Amino acid sequence: MFNGSNLRLARLYHELSLEQVAERVSKTRQYIQRLETGIAVPTPVLAKELAVALKVTPEFFRLHEPQRVNEELVHFRKREGTRVSTRLSTLAKAELYGRLITLLDRQLELPPVCFQEITAHTPEEIESAAEKCRVDWGLGLGPIDNMTRLAEKLGAFVTSFDSLSDEVDALSVPLERPFIVRNRAKKSACRQRFDIAHEIAHLILHSGITTGDRATESQANRFASALLLPRSA
């Protein structure tokens, strides 16, 4: 019943290496790797020790939920020098946050998801798409009071990961109930507003498209600019 992928998920969530986990439970790095890949199964005593080391319950290792968050799905705005460990940790946090949202969605009456998919490529098409969204959402042409509230009214969750470093700007995950993760390391309120608008752009313009390249990031920036300050205003 032991699910090694959940052991790996918890380890990456806490940004720990195989060696660090092995030291905490007095095992070798190779053995922890065997547990994560399903080649070996821990004793009940070791499973409890691993749970304590990774701040989860032993039952967490018995869950068999499919992992839905992967790098191809996530609109992941990272810098060129982003470390592999930072990227993997961020994806692990996104996976667990997605599971939390699924639980909340079952218990709460949340707004319907209203991120309509729009195909737009040229700067003019993208600006028109942003202005259409403002009309559909009843925003008029004036300033948007609160970008977080807007995203939430459209059916998304907006959060932040405390340990999200300067290596990652922001990200969004287009699940059935999408969510946006902003970087609290940025102190500029204007930049935070723009980041949320940028991620809204990905949810609208880039459904099913791998993003992060110069073209898609430029398109999302154009949409965010037009959403926050329409040309006609």
C-alpha atoms as a PDB file:
ATOM      1  CA  MET A   1       0.000   0.000   0.000  1.00  0.00           C
ATOM      2  CA  PHE A   2       3.017   2.319   0.204  1.00  0.00           C
ATOM      3  CA  ASN A   3       3.065   4.884  -2.619  1.00  0.00           C
ATOM      4  CA  GLY A   4       6.657   5.949  -3.238  1.00  0.00           C
ATOM      5  CA  SER A   5       5.636   8.860  -5.461  1.00  0.00           C
ATOM      6  CA  ASN A   6       4.034  10.531  -2.435  1.00  0.00           C
ATOM      7  CA  LEU A   7       7.303  10.145  -0.539  1.00  0.00           C
ATOM      8  CA  ARG A   8       9.051  11.972  -3.369  1.00  0.00           C
ATOM      9  CA  LEU A   9       6.286  14.593  -3.461  1.00  0.00           C
ATOM     10  CA  ALA A  10       6.646  15.346   0.256  1.00  0.00           C
ATOM     11  CA  ARG A  11      10.438  15.459  -0.020  1.00  0.00           C
ATOM     12  CA  LEU A  12      10.352  17.931  -2.897  1.00  0.00           C
ATOM     13  CA  TYR A  13       7.694  20.007  -1.142  1.00  0.00           C
ATOM     14  CA  HIS A  14      10.131  20.570   1.729  1.00  0.00           C
ATOM     15  CA  GLU A  15      13.032  21.120  -0.701  1.00  0.00           C
ATOM     16  CA  LEU A  16      15.014  18.218   0.722  1.00  0.00           C
ATOM     17  CA  SER A  17      17.543  16.055  -1.091  1.00  0.00           C
ATOM     18  CA  LEU A  18      17.620  12.261  -0.939  1.00  0.00           C
ATOM     19  CA  GLU A  19      20.681  12.519   1.306  1.00  0.00           C
ATOM     20  CA  GLN A  20      18.919  14.821   3.764  1.00  0.00           C
ATOM     21  CA  VAL A  21      15.930  12.510   4.123  1.00  0.00           C
ATOM     22  CA  ALA A  22      18.224   9.490   4.458  1.00  0.00           C
ATOM     23  CA  GLU A  23      20.131  11.157   7.307  1.00  0.00           C
ATOM     24  CA  ARG A  24      16.906  11.891   9.203  1.00  0.00           C
ATOM     25  CA  VAL A  25      15.846   8.240   9.226  1.00  0.00           C
ATOM     26  CA  SER A  26      19.331   6.669   9.374  1.00  0.00           C
ATOM     27  CA  LYS A  27      19.175   5.073   5.931  1.00  0.00           C
ATOM     28  CA  THR A  28      21.201   5.421   2.761  1.00  0.00           C
ATOM     29  CA  ARG A  29      20.448   7.699  -0.143  1.00  0.00           C
ATOM     30  CA  GLN A  30      20.124   4.669  -2.404  1.00  0.00           C
ATOM     31  CA  TYR A  31      17.503   3.076  -0.146  1.00  0.00           C
ATOM     32  CA  ILE A  32      15.341   6.224  -0.066  1.00  0.00           C
ATOM     33  CA  GLN A  33      15.525   6.327  -3.851  1.00  0.00           C
ATOM     34  CA  ARG A  34      14.403   2.679  -3.974  1.00  0.00           C
ATOM     35  CA  LEU A  35      11.410   3.593  -1.787  1.00  0.00           C
ATOM     36  CA  GLU A  36      10.468   6.492  -4.060  1.00  0.00           C
ATOM     37  CA  THR A  37      10.606   4.347  -7.203  1.00  0.00           C
ATOM     38  CA  GLY A  38       8.605   1.503  -5.639  1.00  0.00           C
ATOM     39  CA  ILE A  39      11.438  -1.014  -5.725  1.00  0.00           C
ATOM     40  CA  ALA A  40      11.455  -1.273  -1.912  1.00  0.00           C
ATOM     41  CA  VAL A  41       8.718  -0.943   0.727  1.00  0.00           C
ATOM     42  CA  PRO A  42       9.408   0.450   4.224  1.00  0.00           C
ATOM     43  CA  THR A  43       8.476  -1.249   7.458  1.00  0.00           C
ATOM     44  CA  PRO A  44       5.599   0.362   9.417  1.00  0.00           C
ATOM     45  CA  VAL A  45       8.171   1.778  11.848  1.00  0.00           C
ATOM     46  CA  LEU A  46      10.209   3.355   9.057  1.00  0.00           C
ATOM     47  CA  ALA A  47       7.042   4.728   7.419  1.00  0.00           C
ATOM     48  CA  LYS A  48       6.239   6.534  10.687  1.00  0.00           C
ATOM     49  CA  GLU A  49       9.790   7.888  10.897  1.00  0.00           C
ATOM     50  CA  LEU A  50       9.540   9.178   7.327  1.00  0.00           C
ATOM     51  CA  ALA A  51       6.193  10.786   8.133  1.00  0.00           C
ATOM     52  CA  VAL A  52       7.701  12.624  11.103  1.00  0.00           C
ATOM     53  CA  ALA A  53      10.717  13.716   9.055  1.00  0.00           C
ATOM     54  CA  LEU A  54       8.508  15.090   6.258  1.00  0.00           C
ATOM     55  CA  LYS A  55       5.715  16.497   8.471  1.00  0.00           C
ATOM     56  CA  VAL A  56       2.917  14.355   7.071  1.00  0.00           C
ATOM     57  CA  THR A  57       0.785  11.561   8.484  1.00  0.00           C
ATOM     58  CA  PRO A  58       1.699   7.935   7.655  1.00  0.00           C
ATOM     59  CA  GLU A  59      -1.621   7.726   5.783  1.00  0.00           C
ATOM     60  CA  PHE A  60      -0.271  10.248   3.248  1.00  0.00           C
ATOM     61  CA  PHE A  61       2.061   7.576   1.886  1.00  0.00           C
ATOM     62  CA  ARG A  62      -0.921   5.294   1.211  1.00  0.00           C
ATOM     63  CA  LEU A  63      -2.813   7.768  -0.976  1.00  0.00           C
ATOM     64  CA  HIS A  64      -2.997   6.834  -4.641  1.00  0.00           C
ATOM     65  CA  GLU A  65      -4.213  10.047  -6.229  1.00  0.00           C
ATOM     66  CA  PRO A  66      -2.853  10.602  -9.740  1.00  0.00           C
ATOM     67  CA  GLN A  67      -0.457  13.526  -9.994  1.00  0.00           C
ATOM     68  CA  ARG A  68      -2.066  16.091 -12.287  1.00  0.00           C
ATOM     69  CA  VAL A  69       0.466  18.936 -12.154  1.00  0.00           C
ATOM     70  CA  ASN A  70       3.439  18.632 -14.479  1.00  0.00           C
ATOM     71  CA  GLU A  71       5.741  21.109 -16.148  1.00  0.00           C
ATOM     72  CA  GLU A  72       4.019  20.834 -19.526  1.00  0.00           C
ATOM     73  CA  LEU A  73       0.668  21.788 -17.989  1.00  0.00           C
ATOM     74  CA  VAL A  74       1.821  24.651 -15.779  1.00  0.00           C
ATOM     75  CA  HIS A  75       2.240  28.182 -17.127  1.00  0.00           C
ATOM     76  CA  PHE A  76       5.581  28.508 -15.386  1.00  0.00           C
ATOM     77  CA  ARG A  77       7.352  31.865 -15.673  1.00  0.00           C
ATOM     78  CA  LYS A  78      10.865  31.150 -14.486  1.00  0.00           C
ATOM     79  CA  ARG A  79      14.225  32.745 -15.075  1.00  0.00           C
ATOM     80  CA  GLU A  80      16.879  31.145 -17.273  1.00  0.00           C
ATOM     81  CA  GLY A  81      19.061  30.424 -14.260  1.00  0.00           C
ATOM     82  CA  THR A  82      16.327  28.743 -12.207  1.00  0.00           C
ATOM     83  CA  ARG A  83      17.752  25.723 -10.391  1.00  0.00           C
ATOM     84  CA  VAL A  84      16.261  22.295 -11.033  1.00  0.00           C
ATOM     85  CA  SER A  85      15.577  21.890  -7.294  1.00  0.00           C
ATOM     86  CA  THR A  86      13.574  25.143  -7.241  1.00  0.00           C
ATOM     87  CA  ARG A  87      11.531  24.070 -10.249  1.00  0.00           C
ATOM     88  CA  LEU A  88      10.756  20.620  -8.816  1.00  0.00           C
ATOM     89  CA  SER A  89       9.865  22.051  -5.403  1.00  0.00           C
ATOM     90  CA  THR A  90       7.500  24.579  -6.975  1.00  0.00           C
ATOM     91  CA  LEU A  91       5.763  21.858  -8.985  1.00  0.00           C
ATOM     92  CA  ALA A  92       5.394  19.708  -5.851  1.00  0.00           C
ATOM     93  CA  LYS A  93       3.785  22.609  -3.988  1.00  0.00           C
ATOM     94  CA  ALA A  94       1.456  23.178  -6.930  1.00  0.00           C
ATOM     95  CA  GLU A  95       0.435  19.503  -6.947  1.00  0.00           C
ATOM     96  CA  LEU A  96      -0.453  19.505  -3.246  1.00  0.00           C
ATOM     97  CA  TYR A  97      -2.239  22.854  -3.511  1.00  0.00           C
ATOM     98  CA  GLY A  98      -4.262  21.456  -6.415  1.00  0.00           C
ATOM     99  CA  ARG A  99      -5.335  18.536  -4.202  1.00  0.00           C
ATOM    100  CA  LEU A 100      -6.404  20.994  -1.492  1.00  0.00           C
ATOM    101  CA  ILE A 101      -8.485  22.962  -4.000  1.00  0.00           C
ATOM    102  CA  THR A 102     -10.226  19.749  -5.083  1.00  0.00           C
ATOM    103  CA  LEU A 103     -11.274  19.146  -1.469  1.00  0.00           C
ATOM    104  CA  LEU A 104     -12.459  22.745  -1.029  1.00  0.00           C
ATOM    105  CA  ASP A 105     -14.395  22.592  -4.290  1.00  0.00           C
ATOM    106  CA  ARG A 106     -16.418  19.677  -2.914  1.00  0.00           C
ATOM    107  CA  GLN A 107     -17.310  21.528   0.284  1.00  0.00           C
ATOM    108  CA  LEU A 108     -17.837  25.133  -0.831  1.00  0.00           C
ATOM    109  CA  GLU A 109     -20.100  26.917  -3.300  1.00  0.00           C
ATOM    110  CA  LEU A 110     -17.466  28.612  -5.423  1.00  0.00           C
ATOM    111  CA  PRO A 111     -17.990  30.893  -8.431  1.00  0.00           C
ATOM    112  CA  PRO A 112     -18.144  29.171 -11.825  1.00  0.00           C
ATOM    113  CA  VAL A 113     -14.909  29.183 -13.820  1.00  0.00           C
ATOM    114  CA  CYS A 114     -15.206  31.935 -16.465  1.00  0.00           C
ATOM    115  CA  PHE A 115     -11.892  31.976 -18.311  1.00  0.00           C
ATOM    116  CA  GLN A 116     -13.139  31.783 -21.873  1.00  0.00           C
ATOM    117  CA  GLU A 117     -10.613  30.474 -24.399  1.00  0.00           C
ATOM    118  CA  ILE A 118      -9.718  33.056 -27.049  1.00  0.00           C
ATOM    119  CA  THR A 119      -7.413  32.541 -30.022  1.00  0.00           C
ATOM    120  CA  ALA A 120      -5.297  35.633 -30.653  1.00  0.00           C
ATOM    121  CA  HIS A 121      -1.794  36.020 -32.045  1.00  0.00           C
ATOM    122  CA  THR A 122      -1.100  39.544 -33.291  1.00  0.00           C
ATOM    123  CA  PRO A 123      -0.768  42.493 -30.892  1.00  0.00           C
ATOM    124  CA  GLU A 124      -4.031  43.936 -32.258  1.00  0.00           C
ATOM    125  CA  GLU A 125      -5.912  40.656 -31.771  1.00  0.00           C
ATOM    126  CA  ILE A 126      -4.574  40.291 -28.235  1.00  0.00           C
ATOM    127  CA  GLU A 127      -5.543  43.846 -27.254  1.00  0.00           C
ATOM    128  CA  SER A 128      -9.025  43.280 -28.714  1.00  0.00           C
ATOM    129  CA  ALA A 129      -9.299  40.052 -26.682  1.00  0.00           C
ATOM    130  CA  ALA A 130      -8.392  41.906 -23.481  1.00  0.00           C
ATOM    131  CA  GLU A 131     -10.945  44.639 -24.162  1.00  0.00           C
ATOM    132  CA  LYS A 132     -13.592  42.009 -24.943  1.00  0.00           C
ATOM    133  CA  CYS A 133     -12.893  40.398 -21.566  1.00  0.00           C
ATOM    134  CA  ARG A 134     -13.315  43.753 -19.828  1.00  0.00           C
ATOM    135  CA  VAL A 135     -16.718  44.124 -21.492  1.00  0.00           C
ATOM    136  CA  ASP A 136     -17.785  40.549 -20.670  1.00  0.00           C
ATOM    137  CA  TRP A 137     -16.698  40.981 -17.058  1.00  0.00           C
ATOM    138  CA  GLY A 138     -18.421  44.360 -16.673  1.00  0.00           C
ATOM    139  CA  LEU A 139     -15.225  46.252 -15.874  1.00  0.00           C
ATOM    140  CA  GLY A 140     -15.805  49.332 -18.031  1.00  0.00           C
ATOM    141  CA  LEU A 141     -12.703  51.304 -18.994  1.00  0.00           C
ATOM    142  CA  GLY A 142     -11.542  52.488 -15.577  1.00  0.00           C
ATOM    143  CA  PRO A 143      -8.940  51.003 -13.209  1.00  0.00           C
ATOM    144  CA  ILE A 144      -9.536  47.529 -11.818  1.00  0.00           C
ATOM    145  CA  ASP A 145      -9.883  47.891  -8.048  1.00  0.00           C
ATOM    146  CA  ASN A 146      -8.453  44.526  -7.011  1.00  0.00           C
ATOM    147  CA  MET A 147      -6.854  42.016  -9.390  1.00  0.00           C
ATOM    148  CA  THR A 148      -6.942  39.200  -6.815  1.00  0.00           C
ATOM    149  CA  ARG A 149     -10.689  39.660  -6.305  1.00  0.00           C
ATOM    150  CA  LEU A 150     -11.224  39.730 -10.066  1.00  0.00           C
ATOM    151  CA  ALA A 151      -9.398  36.425 -10.564  1.00  0.00           C
ATOM    152  CA  GLU A 152     -11.390  34.886  -7.697  1.00  0.00           C
ATOM    153  CA  LYS A 153     -14.708  36.091  -9.108  1.00  0.00           C
ATOM    154  CA  LEU A 154     -13.742  34.396 -12.371  1.00  0.00           C
ATOM    155  CA  GLY A 155     -13.413  31.123 -10.470  1.00  0.00           C
ATOM    156  CA  ALA A 156      -9.674  30.894  -9.790  1.00  0.00           C
ATOM    157  CA  PHE A 157      -7.779  30.565  -6.533  1.00  0.00           C
ATOM    158  CA  VAL A 158      -4.966  33.064  -5.929  1.00  0.00           C
ATOM    159  CA  THR A 159      -2.238  32.171  -3.460  1.00  0.00           C
ATOM    160  CA  SER A 160       1.468  32.492  -2.782  1.00  0.00           C
ATOM    161  CA  PHE A 161       4.115  29.945  -1.838  1.00  0.00           C
ATOM    162  CA  ASP A 162       6.203  31.312   1.022  1.00  0.00           C
ATOM    163  CA  SER A 163       9.435  29.796  -0.238  1.00  0.00           C
ATOM    164  CA  LEU A 164       8.941  30.780  -3.867  1.00  0.00           C
ATOM    165  CA  SER A 165      12.263  32.425  -4.638  1.00  0.00           C
ATOM    166  CA  ASP A 166      13.255  35.218  -6.965  1.00  0.00           C
ATOM    167  CA  GLU A 167      14.074  32.511  -9.532  1.00  0.00           C
ATOM    168  CA  VAL A 168      10.343  32.088 -10.268  1.00  0.00           C
ATOM    169  CA  ASP A 169       8.216  35.088 -11.207  1.00  0.00           C
ATOM    170  CA  ALA A 170       4.755  33.531 -11.003  1.00  0.00           C
ATOM    171  CA  LEU A 171       2.774  30.608 -12.310  1.00  0.00           C
ATOM    172  CA  SER A 172      -0.745  29.454 -13.073  1.00  0.00           C
ATOM    173  CA  VAL A 173      -2.196  25.961 -13.299  1.00  0.00           C
ATOM    174  CA  PRO A 174      -5.175  25.385 -15.638  1.00  0.00           C
ATOM    175  CA  LEU A 175      -6.955  22.585 -13.768  1.00  0.00           C
ATOM    176  CA  GLU A 176     -10.769  22.280 -13.656  1.00  0.00           C
ATOM    177  CA  ARG A 177     -10.505  24.885 -10.894  1.00  0.00           C
ATOM    178  CA  PRO A 178      -7.458  26.938 -11.968  1.00  0.00           C
ATOM    179  CA  PHE A 179      -5.144  28.683  -9.565  1.00  0.00           C
ATOM    180  CA  ILE A 180      -2.556  31.436  -9.748  1.00  0.00           C
ATOM    181  CA  VAL A 181       0.562  31.597  -7.589  1.00  0.00           C
ATOM    182  CA  ARG A 182       2.197  34.989  -7.122  1.00  0.00           C
ATOM    183  CA  ASN A 183       5.648  35.702  -5.737  1.00  0.00           C
ATOM    184  CA  ARG A 184       5.544  37.594  -2.436  1.00  0.00           C
ATOM    185  CA  ALA A 185       9.257  38.325  -2.732  1.00  0.00           C
ATOM    186  CA  LYS A 186       8.239  41.171  -5.014  1.00  0.00           C
ATOM    187  CA  LYS A 187       7.444  44.264  -2.960  1.00  0.00           C
ATOM    188  CA  SER A 188       5.878  46.276  -5.790  1.00  0.00           C
ATOM    189  CA  ALA A 189       2.068  46.265  -5.639  1.00  0.00           C
ATOM    190  CA  CYS A 190       1.973  47.327  -9.302  1.00  0.00           C
ATOM    191  CA  ARG A 191       4.107  44.332 -10.273  1.00  0.00           C
ATOM    192  CA  GLN A 192       1.843  41.989  -8.301  1.00  0.00           C
ATOM    193  CA  ARG A 193      -1.200  43.357 -10.157  1.00  0.00           C
ATOM    194  CA  PHE A 194       0.560  42.885 -13.478  1.00  0.00           C
ATOM    195  CA  ASP A 195       1.632  39.338 -12.580  1.00  0.00           C
ATOM    196  CA  ILE A 196      -1.973  38.301 -11.861  1.00  0.00           C
ATOM    197  CA  ALA A 197      -3.133  39.888 -15.129  1.00  0.00           C
ATOM    198  CA  HIS A 198      -0.301  38.060 -16.927  1.00  0.00           C
ATOM    199  CA  GLU A 199      -1.416  34.691 -15.535  1.00  0.00           C
ATOM    200  CA  ILE A 200      -5.056  35.416 -16.410  1.00  0.00           C
ATOM    201  CA  ALA A 201      -3.791  35.980 -19.960  1.00  0.00           C
ATOM    202  CA  HIS A 202      -2.212  32.509 -20.045  1.00  0.00           C
ATOM    203  CA  LEU A 203      -5.464  30.908 -18.854  1.00  0.00           C
ATOM    204  CA  ILE A 204      -7.365  32.638 -21.665  1.00  0.00           C
ATOM    205  CA  LEU A 205      -4.890  32.642 -24.564  1.00  0.00           C
ATOM    206  CA  HIS A 206      -2.811  29.513 -24.020  1.00  0.00           C
ATOM    207  CA  SER A 207      -5.089  26.632 -23.109  1.00  0.00           C
ATOM    208  CA  GLY A 208      -3.263  23.404 -24.003  1.00  0.00           C
ATOM    209  CA  ILE A 209      -0.168  25.331 -25.107  1.00  0.00           C
ATOM    210  CA  THR A 210       3.247  24.990 -23.465  1.00  0.00           C
ATOM    211  CA  THR A 211       4.328  28.474 -22.403  1.00  0.00           C
ATOM    212  CA  GLY A 212       7.484  30.075 -21.050  1.00  0.00           C
ATOM    213  CA  ASP A 213       9.064  30.965 -24.374  1.00  0.00           C
ATOM    214  CA  ARG A 214       9.544  34.531 -25.587  1.00  0.00           C
ATOM    215  CA  ALA A 215       6.488  34.495 -27.891  1.00  0.00           C
ATOM    216  CA  THR A 216       3.907  33.313 -25.338  1.00  0.00           C
ATOM    217  CA  GLU A 217       5.330  35.511 -22.587  1.00  0.00           C
ATOM    218  CA  SER A 218       5.173  38.542 -24.892  1.00  0.00           C
ATOM    219  CA  GLN A 219       1.557  37.737 -25.735  1.00  0.00           C
ATOM    220  CA  ALA A 220       0.636  37.446 -22.056  1.00  0.00           C
ATOM    221  CA  ASN A 221       2.369  40.775 -21.333  1.00  0.00           C
ATOM    222  CA  ARG A 222       0.438  42.456 -24.143  1.00  0.00           C
ATOM    223  CA  PHE A 223      -2.870  41.082 -22.836  1.00  0.00           C
ATOM    224  CA  ALA A 224      -2.061  42.108 -19.243  1.00  0.00           C
ATOM    225  CA  SER A 225      -1.168  45.642 -20.340  1.00  0.00           C
ATOM    226  CA  ALA A 226      -4.378  46.021 -22.330  1.00  0.00           C
ATOM    227  CA  LEU A 227      -6.463  44.560 -19.512  1.00  0.00           C
ATOM    228  CA  LEU A 228      -5.041  46.927 -16.914  1.00  0.00           C
ATOM    229  CA  LEU A 229      -4.991  50.002 -19.175  1.00  0.00           C
ATOM    230  CA  PRO A 230      -7.060  49.714 -22.377  1.00  0.00           C
ATOM    231  CA  ARG A 231      -5.874  51.730 -25.344  1.00  0.00           C
ATOM    232  CA  SER A 232      -9.263  53.470 -25.610  1.00  0.00           C
ATOM    233  CA  ALA A 233      -8.893  54.732 -22.036  1.00  0.00           C
END
